[in-house]
PDBML (XML) file of the C-alpha atoms, coordinates in Angstrom:
<?xml version="1.0" encoding="UTF-8" ?>
<PDBx:datablock datablockName="MODEL"
   xmlns:PDBx="http://pdbml.pdb.org/schema/pdbx-v50.xsd"
   xmlns:xsi="http://www.w3.org/2001/XMLSchema-instance"
   xsi:schemaLocation="http://pdbml.pdb.org/schema/pdbx-v50.xsd pdbx-v50.xsd">
   <PDBx:atom_siteCategory>
      <PDBx:atom_site id="1">
         <PDBx:B_iso_or_equiv>0.00</PDBx:B_iso_or_equiv>
         <PDBx:Cartn_x>4.462</PDBx:Cartn_x>
         <PDBx:Cartn_y>-32.721</PDBx:Cartn_y>
         <PDBx:Cartn_z>-66.273</PDBx:Cartn_z>
         <PDBx:auth_asym_id>A</PDBx:auth_asym_id>
         <PDBx:auth_atom_id>CA</PDBx:auth_atom_id>
         <PDBx:auth_comp_id>GLU</PDBx:auth_comp_id>
         <PDBx:auth_seq_id>1</PDBx:auth_seq_id>
         <PDBx:group_PDB>ATOM</PDBx:group_PDB>
         <PDBx:label_alt_id xsi:nil="true" />
         <PDBx:label_asym_id>A</PDBx:label_asym_id>
         <PDBx:label_atom_id>CA</PDBx:label_atom_id>
         <PDBx:label_comp_id>GLU</PDBx:label_comp_id>
         <PDBx:label_entity_id>1</PDBx:label_entity_id>
         <PDBx:label_seq_id>1</PDBx:label_seq_id>
         <PDBx:occupancy>1.00</PDBx:occupancy>
         <PDBx:pdbx_PDB_model_num>1</PDBx:pdbx_PDB_model_num>
         <PDBx:type_symbol>C</PDBx:type_symbol>
      </PDBx:atom_site>
      <PDBx:atom_site id="2">
         <PDBx:B_iso_or_equiv>0.00</PDBx:B_iso_or_equiv>
         <PDBx:Cartn_x>7.086</PDBx:Cartn_x>
         <PDBx:Cartn_y>-35.088</PDBx:Cartn_y>
         <PDBx:Cartn_z>-65.938</PDBx:Cartn_z>
         <PDBx:auth_asym_id>A</PDBx:auth_asym_id>
         <PDBx:auth_atom_id>CA</PDBx:auth_atom_id>
         <PDBx:auth_comp_id>LYS</PDBx:auth_comp_id>
         <PDBx:auth_seq_id>2</PDBx:auth_seq_id>
         <PDBx:group_PDB>ATOM</PDBx:group_PDB>
         <PDBx:label_alt_id xsi:nil="true" />
         <PDBx:label_asym_id>A</PDBx:label_asym_id>
         <PDBx:label_atom_id>CA</PDBx:label_atom_id>
         <PDBx:label_comp_id>LYS</PDBx:label_comp_id>
         <PDBx:label_entity_id>1</PDBx:label_entity_id>
         <PDBx:label_seq_id>2</PDBx:label_seq_id>
         <PDBx:occupancy>1.00</PDBx:occupancy>
         <PDBx:pdbx_PDB_model_num>1</PDBx:pdbx_PDB_model_num>
         <PDBx:type_symbol>C</PDBx:type_symbol>
      </PDBx:atom_site>
      <PDBx:atom_site id="3">
         <PDBx:B_iso_or_equiv>0.00</PDBx:B_iso_or_equiv>
         <PDBx:Cartn_x>4.432</PDBx:Cartn_x>
         <PDBx:Cartn_y>-37.810</PDBx:Cartn_y>
         <PDBx:Cartn_z>-65.350</PDBx:Cartn_z>
         <PDBx:auth_asym_id>A</PDBx:auth_asym_id>
         <PDBx:auth_atom_id>CA</PDBx:auth_atom_id>
         <PDBx:auth_comp_id>GLN</PDBx:auth_comp_id>
         <PDBx:auth_seq_id>3</PDBx:auth_seq_id>
         <PDBx:group_PDB>ATOM</PDBx:group_PDB>
         <PDBx:label_alt_id xsi:nil="true" />
         <PDBx:label_asym_id>A</PDBx:label_asym_id>
         <PDBx:label_atom_id>CA</PDBx:label_atom_id>
         <PDBx:label_comp_id>GLN</PDBx:label_comp_id>
         <PDBx:label_entity_id>1</PDBx:label_entity_id>
         <PDBx:label_seq_id>3</PDBx:label_seq_id>
         <PDBx:occupancy>1.00</PDBx:occupancy>
         <PDBx:pdbx_PDB_model_num>1</PDBx:pdbx_PDB_model_num>
         <PDBx:type_symbol>C</PDBx:type_symbol>
      </PDBx:atom_site>
      <PDBx:atom_site id="4">
         <PDBx:B_iso_or_equiv>0.00</PDBx:B_iso_or_equiv>
         <PDBx:Cartn_x>2.748</PDBx:Cartn_x>
         <PDBx:Cartn_y>-36.805</PDBx:Cartn_y>
         <PDBx:Cartn_z>-68.558</PDBx:Cartn_z>
         <PDBx:auth_asym_id>A</PDBx:auth_asym_id>
         <PDBx:auth_atom_id>CA</PDBx:auth_atom_id>
         <PDBx:auth_comp_id>THR</PDBx:auth_comp_id>
         <PDBx:auth_seq_id>4</PDBx:auth_seq_id>
         <PDBx:group_PDB>ATOM</PDBx:group_PDB>
         <PDBx:label_alt_id xsi:nil="true" />
         <PDBx:label_asym_id>A</PDBx:label_asym_id>
         <PDBx:label_atom_id>CA</PDBx:label_atom_id>
         <PDBx:label_comp_id>THR</PDBx:label_comp_id>
         <PDBx:label_entity_id>1</PDBx:label_entity_id>
         <PDBx:label_seq_id>4</PDBx:label_seq_id>
         <PDBx:occupancy>1.00</PDBx:occupancy>
         <PDBx:pdbx_PDB_model_num>1</PDBx:pdbx_PDB_model_num>
         <PDBx:type_symbol>C</PDBx:type_symbol>
      </PDBx:atom_site>
      <PDBx:atom_site id="5">
         <PDBx:B_iso_or_equiv>0.00</PDBx:B_iso_or_equiv>
         <PDBx:Cartn_x>5.029</PDBx:Cartn_x>
         <PDBx:Cartn_y>-36.536</PDBx:Cartn_y>
         <PDBx:Cartn_z>-70.486</PDBx:Cartn_z>
         <PDBx:auth_asym_id>A</PDBx:auth_asym_id>
         <PDBx:auth_atom_id>CA</PDBx:auth_atom_id>
         <PDBx:auth_comp_id>ASP</PDBx:auth_comp_id>
         <PDBx:auth_seq_id>5</PDBx:auth_seq_id>
         <PDBx:group_PDB>ATOM</PDBx:group_PDB>
         <PDBx:label_alt_id xsi:nil="true" />
         <PDBx:label_asym_id>A</PDBx:label_asym_id>
         <PDBx:label_atom_id>CA</PDBx:label_atom_id>
         <PDBx:label_comp_id>ASP</PDBx:label_comp_id>
         <PDBx:label_entity_id>1</PDBx:label_entity_id>
         <PDBx:label_seq_id>5</PDBx:label_seq_id>
         <PDBx:occupancy>1.00</PDBx:occupancy>
         <PDBx:pdbx_PDB_model_num>1</PDBx:pdbx_PDB_model_num>
         <PDBx:type_symbol>C</PDBx:type_symbol>
      </PDBx:atom_site>
      <PDBx:atom_site id="6">
         <PDBx:B_iso_or_equiv>0.00</PDBx:B_iso_or_equiv>
         <PDBx:Cartn_x>6.667</PDBx:Cartn_x>
         <PDBx:Cartn_y>-40.135</PDBx:Cartn_y>
         <PDBx:Cartn_z>-69.298</PDBx:Cartn_z>
         <PDBx:auth_asym_id>A</PDBx:auth_asym_id>
         <PDBx:auth_atom_id>CA</PDBx:auth_atom_id>
         <PDBx:auth_comp_id>LEU</PDBx:auth_comp_id>
         <PDBx:auth_seq_id>6</PDBx:auth_seq_id>
         <PDBx:group_PDB>ATOM</PDBx:group_PDB>
         <PDBx:label_alt_id xsi:nil="true" />
         <PDBx:label_asym_id>A</PDBx:label_asym_id>
         <PDBx:label_atom_id>CA</PDBx:label_atom_id>
         <PDBx:label_comp_id>LEU</PDBx:label_comp_id>
         <PDBx:label_entity_id>1</PDBx:label_entity_id>
         <PDBx:label_seq_id>6</PDBx:label_seq_id>
         <PDBx:occupancy>1.00</PDBx:occupancy>
         <PDBx:pdbx_PDB_model_num>1</PDBx:pdbx_PDB_model_num>
         <PDBx:type_symbol>C</PDBx:type_symbol>
      </PDBx:atom_site>
      <PDBx:atom_site id="7">
         <PDBx:B_iso_or_equiv>0.00</PDBx:B_iso_or_equiv>
         <PDBx:Cartn_x>3.022</PDBx:Cartn_x>
         <PDBx:Cartn_y>-41.252</PDBx:Cartn_y>
         <PDBx:Cartn_z>-70.256</PDBx:Cartn_z>
         <PDBx:auth_asym_id>A</PDBx:auth_asym_id>
         <PDBx:auth_atom_id>CA</PDBx:auth_atom_id>
         <PDBx:auth_comp_id>ALA</PDBx:auth_comp_id>
         <PDBx:auth_seq_id>7</PDBx:auth_seq_id>
         <PDBx:group_PDB>ATOM</PDBx:group_PDB>
         <PDBx:label_alt_id xsi:nil="true" />
         <PDBx:label_asym_id>A</PDBx:label_asym_id>
         <PDBx:label_atom_id>CA</PDBx:label_atom_id>
         <PDBx:label_comp_id>ALA</PDBx:label_comp_id>
         <PDBx:label_entity_id>1</PDBx:label_entity_id>
         <PDBx:label_seq_id>7</PDBx:label_seq_id>
         <PDBx:occupancy>1.00</PDBx:occupancy>
         <PDBx:pdbx_PDB_model_num>1</PDBx:pdbx_PDB_model_num>
         <PDBx:type_symbol>C</PDBx:type_symbol>
      </PDBx:atom_site>
      <PDBx:atom_site id="8">
         <PDBx:B_iso_or_equiv>0.00</PDBx:B_iso_or_equiv>
         <PDBx:Cartn_x>2.434</PDBx:Cartn_x>
         <PDBx:Cartn_y>-40.042</PDBx:Cartn_y>
         <PDBx:Cartn_z>-73.658</PDBx:Cartn_z>
         <PDBx:auth_asym_id>A</PDBx:auth_asym_id>
         <PDBx:auth_atom_id>CA</PDBx:auth_atom_id>
         <PDBx:auth_comp_id>ARG</PDBx:auth_comp_id>
         <PDBx:auth_seq_id>8</PDBx:auth_seq_id>
         <PDBx:group_PDB>ATOM</PDBx:group_PDB>
         <PDBx:label_alt_id xsi:nil="true" />
         <PDBx:label_asym_id>A</PDBx:label_asym_id>
         <PDBx:label_atom_id>CA</PDBx:label_atom_id>
         <PDBx:label_comp_id>ARG</PDBx:label_comp_id>
         <PDBx:label_entity_id>1</PDBx:label_entity_id>
         <PDBx:label_seq_id>8</PDBx:label_seq_id>
         <PDBx:occupancy>1.00</PDBx:occupancy>
         <PDBx:pdbx_PDB_model_num>1</PDBx:pdbx_PDB_model_num>
         <PDBx:type_symbol>C</PDBx:type_symbol>
      </PDBx:atom_site>
      <PDBx:atom_site id="9">
         <PDBx:B_iso_or_equiv>0.00</PDBx:B_iso_or_equiv>
         <PDBx:Cartn_x>6.001</PDBx:Cartn_x>
         <PDBx:Cartn_y>-41.561</PDBx:Cartn_y>
         <PDBx:Cartn_z>-74.212</PDBx:Cartn_z>
         <PDBx:auth_asym_id>A</PDBx:auth_asym_id>
         <PDBx:auth_atom_id>CA</PDBx:auth_atom_id>
         <PDBx:auth_comp_id>ARG</PDBx:auth_comp_id>
         <PDBx:auth_seq_id>9</PDBx:auth_seq_id>
         <PDBx:group_PDB>ATOM</PDBx:group_PDB>
         <PDBx:label_alt_id xsi:nil="true" />
         <PDBx:label_asym_id>A</PDBx:label_asym_id>
         <PDBx:label_atom_id>CA</PDBx:label_atom_id>
         <PDBx:label_comp_id>ARG</PDBx:label_comp_id>
         <PDBx:label_entity_id>1</PDBx:label_entity_id>
         <PDBx:label_seq_id>9</PDBx:label_seq_id>
         <PDBx:occupancy>1.00</PDBx:occupancy>
         <PDBx:pdbx_PDB_model_num>1</PDBx:pdbx_PDB_model_num>
         <PDBx:type_symbol>C</PDBx:type_symbol>
      </PDBx:atom_site>
      <PDBx:atom_site id="10">
         <PDBx:B_iso_or_equiv>0.00</PDBx:B_iso_or_equiv>
         <PDBx:Cartn_x>5.677</PDBx:Cartn_x>
         <PDBx:Cartn_y>-44.927</PDBx:Cartn_y>
         <PDBx:Cartn_z>-73.615</PDBx:Cartn_z>
         <PDBx:auth_asym_id>A</PDBx:auth_asym_id>
         <PDBx:auth_atom_id>CA</PDBx:auth_atom_id>
         <PDBx:auth_comp_id>ALA</PDBx:auth_comp_id>
         <PDBx:auth_seq_id>10</PDBx:auth_seq_id>
         <PDBx:group_PDB>ATOM</PDBx:group_PDB>
         <PDBx:label_alt_id xsi:nil="true" />
         <PDBx:label_asym_id>A</PDBx:label_asym_id>
         <PDBx:label_atom_id>CA</PDBx:label_atom_id>
         <PDBx:label_comp_id>ALA</PDBx:label_comp_id>
         <PDBx:label_entity_id>1</PDBx:label_entity_id>
         <PDBx:label_seq_id>10</PDBx:label_seq_id>
         <PDBx:occupancy>1.00</PDBx:occupancy>
         <PDBx:pdbx_PDB_model_num>1</PDBx:pdbx_PDB_model_num>
         <PDBx:type_symbol>C</PDBx:type_symbol>
      </PDBx:atom_site>
      <PDBx:atom_site id="11">
         <PDBx:B_iso_or_equiv>0.00</PDBx:B_iso_or_equiv>
         <PDBx:Cartn_x>2.259</PDBx:Cartn_x>
         <PDBx:Cartn_y>-45.219</PDBx:Cartn_y>
         <PDBx:Cartn_z>-74.725</PDBx:Cartn_z>
         <PDBx:auth_asym_id>A</PDBx:auth_asym_id>
         <PDBx:auth_atom_id>CA</PDBx:auth_atom_id>
         <PDBx:auth_comp_id>ALA</PDBx:auth_comp_id>
         <PDBx:auth_seq_id>11</PDBx:auth_seq_id>
         <PDBx:group_PDB>ATOM</PDBx:group_PDB>
         <PDBx:label_alt_id xsi:nil="true" />
         <PDBx:label_asym_id>A</PDBx:label_asym_id>
         <PDBx:label_atom_id>CA</PDBx:label_atom_id>
         <PDBx:label_comp_id>ALA</PDBx:label_comp_id>
         <PDBx:label_entity_id>1</PDBx:label_entity_id>
         <PDBx:label_seq_id>11</PDBx:label_seq_id>
         <PDBx:occupancy>1.00</PDBx:occupancy>
         <PDBx:pdbx_PDB_model_num>1</PDBx:pdbx_PDB_model_num>
         <PDBx:type_symbol>C</PDBx:type_symbol>
      </PDBx:atom_site>
      <PDBx:atom_site id="12">
         <PDBx:B_iso_or_equiv>0.00</PDBx:B_iso_or_equiv>
         <PDBx:Cartn_x>3.577</PDBx:Cartn_x>
         <PDBx:Cartn_y>-43.973</PDBx:Cartn_y>
         <PDBx:Cartn_z>-77.737</PDBx:Cartn_z>
         <PDBx:auth_asym_id>A</PDBx:auth_asym_id>
         <PDBx:auth_atom_id>CA</PDBx:auth_atom_id>
         <PDBx:auth_comp_id>ARG</PDBx:auth_comp_id>
         <PDBx:auth_seq_id>12</PDBx:auth_seq_id>
         <PDBx:group_PDB>ATOM</PDBx:group_PDB>
         <PDBx:label_alt_id xsi:nil="true" />
         <PDBx:label_asym_id>A</PDBx:label_asym_id>
         <PDBx:label_atom_id>CA</PDBx:label_atom_id>
         <PDBx:label_comp_id>ARG</PDBx:label_comp_id>
         <PDBx:label_entity_id>1</PDBx:label_entity_id>
         <PDBx:label_seq_id>12</PDBx:label_seq_id>
         <PDBx:occupancy>1.00</PDBx:occupancy>
         <PDBx:pdbx_PDB_model_num>1</PDBx:pdbx_PDB_model_num>
         <PDBx:type_symbol>C</PDBx:type_symbol>
      </PDBx:atom_site>
      <PDBx:atom_site id="13">
         <PDBx:B_iso_or_equiv>0.00</PDBx:B_iso_or_equiv>
         <PDBx:Cartn_x>5.354</PDBx:Cartn_x>
         <PDBx:Cartn_y>-47.772</PDBx:Cartn_y>
         <PDBx:Cartn_z>-77.952</PDBx:Cartn_z>
         <PDBx:auth_asym_id>A</PDBx:auth_asym_id>
         <PDBx:auth_atom_id>CA</PDBx:auth_atom_id>
         <PDBx:auth_comp_id>GLU</PDBx:auth_comp_id>
         <PDBx:auth_seq_id>13</PDBx:auth_seq_id>
         <PDBx:group_PDB>ATOM</PDBx:group_PDB>
         <PDBx:label_alt_id xsi:nil="true" />
         <PDBx:label_asym_id>A</PDBx:label_asym_id>
         <PDBx:label_atom_id>CA</PDBx:label_atom_id>
         <PDBx:label_comp_id>GLU</PDBx:label_comp_id>
         <PDBx:label_entity_id>1</PDBx:label_entity_id>
         <PDBx:label_seq_id>13</PDBx:label_seq_id>
         <PDBx:occupancy>1.00</PDBx:occupancy>
         <PDBx:pdbx_PDB_model_num>1</PDBx:pdbx_PDB_model_num>
         <PDBx:type_symbol>C</PDBx:type_symbol>
      </PDBx:atom_site>
      <PDBx:atom_site id="14">
         <PDBx:B_iso_or_equiv>0.00</PDBx:B_iso_or_equiv>
         <PDBx:Cartn_x>2.728</PDBx:Cartn_x>
         <PDBx:Cartn_y>-49.517</PDBx:Cartn_y>
         <PDBx:Cartn_z>-78.760</PDBx:Cartn_z>
         <PDBx:auth_asym_id>A</PDBx:auth_asym_id>
         <PDBx:auth_atom_id>CA</PDBx:auth_atom_id>
         <PDBx:auth_comp_id>PHE</PDBx:auth_comp_id>
         <PDBx:auth_seq_id>14</PDBx:auth_seq_id>
         <PDBx:group_PDB>ATOM</PDBx:group_PDB>
         <PDBx:label_alt_id xsi:nil="true" />
         <PDBx:label_asym_id>A</PDBx:label_asym_id>
         <PDBx:label_atom_id>CA</PDBx:label_atom_id>
         <PDBx:label_comp_id>PHE</PDBx:label_comp_id>
         <PDBx:label_entity_id>1</PDBx:label_entity_id>
         <PDBx:label_seq_id>14</PDBx:label_seq_id>
         <PDBx:occupancy>1.00</PDBx:occupancy>
         <PDBx:pdbx_PDB_model_num>1</PDBx:pdbx_PDB_model_num>
         <PDBx:type_symbol>C</PDBx:type_symbol>
      </PDBx:atom_site>
      <PDBx:atom_site id="15">
         <PDBx:B_iso_or_equiv>0.00</PDBx:B_iso_or_equiv>
         <PDBx:Cartn_x>0.264</PDBx:Cartn_x>
         <PDBx:Cartn_y>-49.987</PDBx:Cartn_y>
         <PDBx:Cartn_z>-82.028</PDBx:Cartn_z>
         <PDBx:auth_asym_id>A</PDBx:auth_asym_id>
         <PDBx:auth_atom_id>CA</PDBx:auth_atom_id>
         <PDBx:auth_comp_id>ASP</PDBx:auth_comp_id>
         <PDBx:auth_seq_id>15</PDBx:auth_seq_id>
         <PDBx:group_PDB>ATOM</PDBx:group_PDB>
         <PDBx:label_alt_id xsi:nil="true" />
         <PDBx:label_asym_id>A</PDBx:label_asym_id>
         <PDBx:label_atom_id>CA</PDBx:label_atom_id>
         <PDBx:label_comp_id>ASP</PDBx:label_comp_id>
         <PDBx:label_entity_id>1</PDBx:label_entity_id>
         <PDBx:label_seq_id>15</PDBx:label_seq_id>
         <PDBx:occupancy>1.00</PDBx:occupancy>
         <PDBx:pdbx_PDB_model_num>1</PDBx:pdbx_PDB_model_num>
         <PDBx:type_symbol>C</PDBx:type_symbol>
      </PDBx:atom_site>
      <PDBx:atom_site id="16">
         <PDBx:B_iso_or_equiv>0.00</PDBx:B_iso_or_equiv>
         <PDBx:Cartn_x>-3.428</PDBx:Cartn_x>
         <PDBx:Cartn_y>-51.246</PDBx:Cartn_y>
         <PDBx:Cartn_z>-80.701</PDBx:Cartn_z>
         <PDBx:auth_asym_id>A</PDBx:auth_asym_id>
         <PDBx:auth_atom_id>CA</PDBx:auth_atom_id>
         <PDBx:auth_comp_id>SER</PDBx:auth_comp_id>
         <PDBx:auth_seq_id>16</PDBx:auth_seq_id>
         <PDBx:group_PDB>ATOM</PDBx:group_PDB>
         <PDBx:label_alt_id xsi:nil="true" />
         <PDBx:label_asym_id>A</PDBx:label_asym_id>
         <PDBx:label_atom_id>CA</PDBx:label_atom_id>
         <PDBx:label_comp_id>SER</PDBx:label_comp_id>
         <PDBx:label_entity_id>1</PDBx:label_entity_id>
         <PDBx:label_seq_id>16</PDBx:label_seq_id>
         <PDBx:occupancy>1.00</PDBx:occupancy>
         <PDBx:pdbx_PDB_model_num>1</PDBx:pdbx_PDB_model_num>
         <PDBx:type_symbol>C</PDBx:type_symbol>
      </PDBx:atom_site>
      <PDBx:atom_site id="17">
         <PDBx:B_iso_or_equiv>0.00</PDBx:B_iso_or_equiv>
         <PDBx:Cartn_x>-5.375</PDBx:Cartn_x>
         <PDBx:Cartn_y>-47.824</PDBx:Cartn_y>
         <PDBx:Cartn_z>-79.073</PDBx:Cartn_z>
         <PDBx:auth_asym_id>A</PDBx:auth_asym_id>
         <PDBx:auth_atom_id>CA</PDBx:auth_atom_id>
         <PDBx:auth_comp_id>ILE</PDBx:auth_comp_id>
         <PDBx:auth_seq_id>17</PDBx:auth_seq_id>
         <PDBx:group_PDB>ATOM</PDBx:group_PDB>
         <PDBx:label_alt_id xsi:nil="true" />
         <PDBx:label_asym_id>A</PDBx:label_asym_id>
         <PDBx:label_atom_id>CA</PDBx:label_atom_id>
         <PDBx:label_comp_id>ILE</PDBx:label_comp_id>
         <PDBx:label_entity_id>1</PDBx:label_entity_id>
         <PDBx:label_seq_id>17</PDBx:label_seq_id>
         <PDBx:occupancy>1.00</PDBx:occupancy>
         <PDBx:pdbx_PDB_model_num>1</PDBx:pdbx_PDB_model_num>
         <PDBx:type_symbol>C</PDBx:type_symbol>
      </PDBx:atom_site>
      <PDBx:atom_site id="18">
         <PDBx:B_iso_or_equiv>0.00</PDBx:B_iso_or_equiv>
         <PDBx:Cartn_x>-6.970</PDBx:Cartn_x>
         <PDBx:Cartn_y>-49.864</PDBx:Cartn_y>
         <PDBx:Cartn_z>-76.286</PDBx:Cartn_z>
         <PDBx:auth_asym_id>A</PDBx:auth_asym_id>
         <PDBx:auth_atom_id>CA</PDBx:auth_atom_id>
         <PDBx:auth_comp_id>PRO</PDBx:auth_comp_id>
         <PDBx:auth_seq_id>18</PDBx:auth_seq_id>
         <PDBx:group_PDB>ATOM</PDBx:group_PDB>
         <PDBx:label_alt_id xsi:nil="true" />
         <PDBx:label_asym_id>A</PDBx:label_asym_id>
         <PDBx:label_atom_id>CA</PDBx:label_atom_id>
         <PDBx:label_comp_id>PRO</PDBx:label_comp_id>
         <PDBx:label_entity_id>1</PDBx:label_entity_id>
         <PDBx:label_seq_id>18</PDBx:label_seq_id>
         <PDBx:occupancy>1.00</PDBx:occupancy>
         <PDBx:pdbx_PDB_model_num>1</PDBx:pdbx_PDB_model_num>
         <PDBx:type_symbol>C</PDBx:type_symbol>
      </PDBx:atom_site>
      <PDBx:atom_site id="19">
         <PDBx:B_iso_or_equiv>0.00</PDBx:B_iso_or_equiv>
         <PDBx:Cartn_x>-3.134</PDBx:Cartn_x>
         <PDBx:Cartn_y>-50.895</PDBx:Cartn_y>
         <PDBx:Cartn_z>-75.242</PDBx:Cartn_z>
         <PDBx:auth_asym_id>A</PDBx:auth_asym_id>
         <PDBx:auth_atom_id>CA</PDBx:auth_atom_id>
         <PDBx:auth_comp_id>LEU</PDBx:auth_comp_id>
         <PDBx:auth_seq_id>19</PDBx:auth_seq_id>
         <PDBx:group_PDB>ATOM</PDBx:group_PDB>
         <PDBx:label_alt_id xsi:nil="true" />
         <PDBx:label_asym_id>A</PDBx:label_asym_id>
         <PDBx:label_atom_id>CA</PDBx:label_atom_id>
         <PDBx:label_comp_id>LEU</PDBx:label_comp_id>
         <PDBx:label_entity_id>1</PDBx:label_entity_id>
         <PDBx:label_seq_id>19</PDBx:label_seq_id>
         <PDBx:occupancy>1.00</PDBx:occupancy>
         <PDBx:pdbx_PDB_model_num>1</PDBx:pdbx_PDB_model_num>
         <PDBx:type_symbol>C</PDBx:type_symbol>
      </PDBx:atom_site>
      <PDBx:atom_site id="20">
         <PDBx:B_iso_or_equiv>0.00</PDBx:B_iso_or_equiv>
         <PDBx:Cartn_x>-1.837</PDBx:Cartn_x>
         <PDBx:Cartn_y>-47.497</PDBx:Cartn_y>
         <PDBx:Cartn_z>-75.552</PDBx:Cartn_z>
         <PDBx:auth_asym_id>A</PDBx:auth_asym_id>
         <PDBx:auth_atom_id>CA</PDBx:auth_atom_id>
         <PDBx:auth_comp_id>ARG</PDBx:auth_comp_id>
         <PDBx:auth_seq_id>20</PDBx:auth_seq_id>
         <PDBx:group_PDB>ATOM</PDBx:group_PDB>
         <PDBx:label_alt_id xsi:nil="true" />
         <PDBx:label_asym_id>A</PDBx:label_asym_id>
         <PDBx:label_atom_id>CA</PDBx:label_atom_id>
         <PDBx:label_comp_id>ARG</PDBx:label_comp_id>
         <PDBx:label_entity_id>1</PDBx:label_entity_id>
         <PDBx:label_seq_id>20</PDBx:label_seq_id>
         <PDBx:occupancy>1.00</PDBx:occupancy>
         <PDBx:pdbx_PDB_model_num>1</PDBx:pdbx_PDB_model_num>
         <PDBx:type_symbol>C</PDBx:type_symbol>
      </PDBx:atom_site>
      <PDBx:atom_site id="21">
         <PDBx:B_iso_or_equiv>0.00</PDBx:B_iso_or_equiv>
         <PDBx:Cartn_x>-4.865</PDBx:Cartn_x>
         <PDBx:Cartn_y>-45.898</PDBx:Cartn_y>
         <PDBx:Cartn_z>-73.803</PDBx:Cartn_z>
         <PDBx:auth_asym_id>A</PDBx:auth_asym_id>
         <PDBx:auth_atom_id>CA</PDBx:auth_atom_id>
         <PDBx:auth_comp_id>LYS</PDBx:auth_comp_id>
         <PDBx:auth_seq_id>21</PDBx:auth_seq_id>
         <PDBx:group_PDB>ATOM</PDBx:group_PDB>
         <PDBx:label_alt_id xsi:nil="true" />
         <PDBx:label_asym_id>A</PDBx:label_asym_id>
         <PDBx:label_atom_id>CA</PDBx:label_atom_id>
         <PDBx:label_comp_id>LYS</PDBx:label_comp_id>
         <PDBx:label_entity_id>1</PDBx:label_entity_id>
         <PDBx:label_seq_id>21</PDBx:label_seq_id>
         <PDBx:occupancy>1.00</PDBx:occupancy>
         <PDBx:pdbx_PDB_model_num>1</PDBx:pdbx_PDB_model_num>
         <PDBx:type_symbol>C</PDBx:type_symbol>
      </PDBx:atom_site>
      <PDBx:atom_site id="22">
         <PDBx:B_iso_or_equiv>0.00</PDBx:B_iso_or_equiv>
         <PDBx:Cartn_x>-4.503</PDBx:Cartn_x>
         <PDBx:Cartn_y>-48.382</PDBx:Cartn_y>
         <PDBx:Cartn_z>-71.027</PDBx:Cartn_z>
         <PDBx:auth_asym_id>A</PDBx:auth_asym_id>
         <PDBx:auth_atom_id>CA</PDBx:auth_atom_id>
         <PDBx:auth_comp_id>GLN</PDBx:auth_comp_id>
         <PDBx:auth_seq_id>22</PDBx:auth_seq_id>
         <PDBx:group_PDB>ATOM</PDBx:group_PDB>
         <PDBx:label_alt_id xsi:nil="true" />
         <PDBx:label_asym_id>A</PDBx:label_asym_id>
         <PDBx:label_atom_id>CA</PDBx:label_atom_id>
         <PDBx:label_comp_id>GLN</PDBx:label_comp_id>
         <PDBx:label_entity_id>1</PDBx:label_entity_id>
         <PDBx:label_seq_id>22</PDBx:label_seq_id>
         <PDBx:occupancy>1.00</PDBx:occupancy>
         <PDBx:pdbx_PDB_model_num>1</PDBx:pdbx_PDB_model_num>
         <PDBx:type_symbol>C</PDBx:type_symbol>
      </PDBx:atom_site>
      <PDBx:atom_site id="23">
         <PDBx:B_iso_or_equiv>0.00</PDBx:B_iso_or_equiv>
         <PDBx:Cartn_x>-0.782</PDBx:Cartn_x>
         <PDBx:Cartn_y>-47.825</PDBx:Cartn_y>
         <PDBx:Cartn_z>-70.258</PDBx:Cartn_z>
         <PDBx:auth_asym_id>A</PDBx:auth_asym_id>
         <PDBx:auth_atom_id>CA</PDBx:auth_atom_id>
         <PDBx:auth_comp_id>VAL</PDBx:auth_comp_id>
         <PDBx:auth_seq_id>23</PDBx:auth_seq_id>
         <PDBx:group_PDB>ATOM</PDBx:group_PDB>
         <PDBx:label_alt_id xsi:nil="true" />
         <PDBx:label_asym_id>A</PDBx:label_asym_id>
         <PDBx:label_atom_id>CA</PDBx:label_atom_id>
         <PDBx:label_comp_id>VAL</PDBx:label_comp_id>
         <PDBx:label_entity_id>1</PDBx:label_entity_id>
         <PDBx:label_seq_id>23</PDBx:label_seq_id>
         <PDBx:occupancy>1.00</PDBx:occupancy>
         <PDBx:pdbx_PDB_model_num>1</PDBx:pdbx_PDB_model_num>
         <PDBx:type_symbol>C</PDBx:type_symbol>
      </PDBx:atom_site>
      <PDBx:atom_site id="24">
         <PDBx:B_iso_or_equiv>0.00</PDBx:B_iso_or_equiv>
         <PDBx:Cartn_x>-0.958</PDBx:Cartn_x>
         <PDBx:Cartn_y>-43.969</PDBx:Cartn_y>
         <PDBx:Cartn_z>-70.687</PDBx:Cartn_z>
         <PDBx:auth_asym_id>A</PDBx:auth_asym_id>
         <PDBx:auth_atom_id>CA</PDBx:auth_atom_id>
         <PDBx:auth_comp_id>ARG</PDBx:auth_comp_id>
         <PDBx:auth_seq_id>24</PDBx:auth_seq_id>
         <PDBx:group_PDB>ATOM</PDBx:group_PDB>
         <PDBx:label_alt_id xsi:nil="true" />
         <PDBx:label_asym_id>A</PDBx:label_asym_id>
         <PDBx:label_atom_id>CA</PDBx:label_atom_id>
         <PDBx:label_comp_id>ARG</PDBx:label_comp_id>
         <PDBx:label_entity_id>1</PDBx:label_entity_id>
         <PDBx:label_seq_id>24</PDBx:label_seq_id>
         <PDBx:occupancy>1.00</PDBx:occupancy>
         <PDBx:pdbx_PDB_model_num>1</PDBx:pdbx_PDB_model_num>
         <PDBx:type_symbol>C</PDBx:type_symbol>
      </PDBx:atom_site>
   </PDBx:atom_siteCategory>
</PDBx:datablock>
């Protein structure tokens, strides 16, 4: 659960959809 939460929070820092998905 923590790893999923970290992935979601980090992804929200980016605007572009491809980069957001790659980070998540």
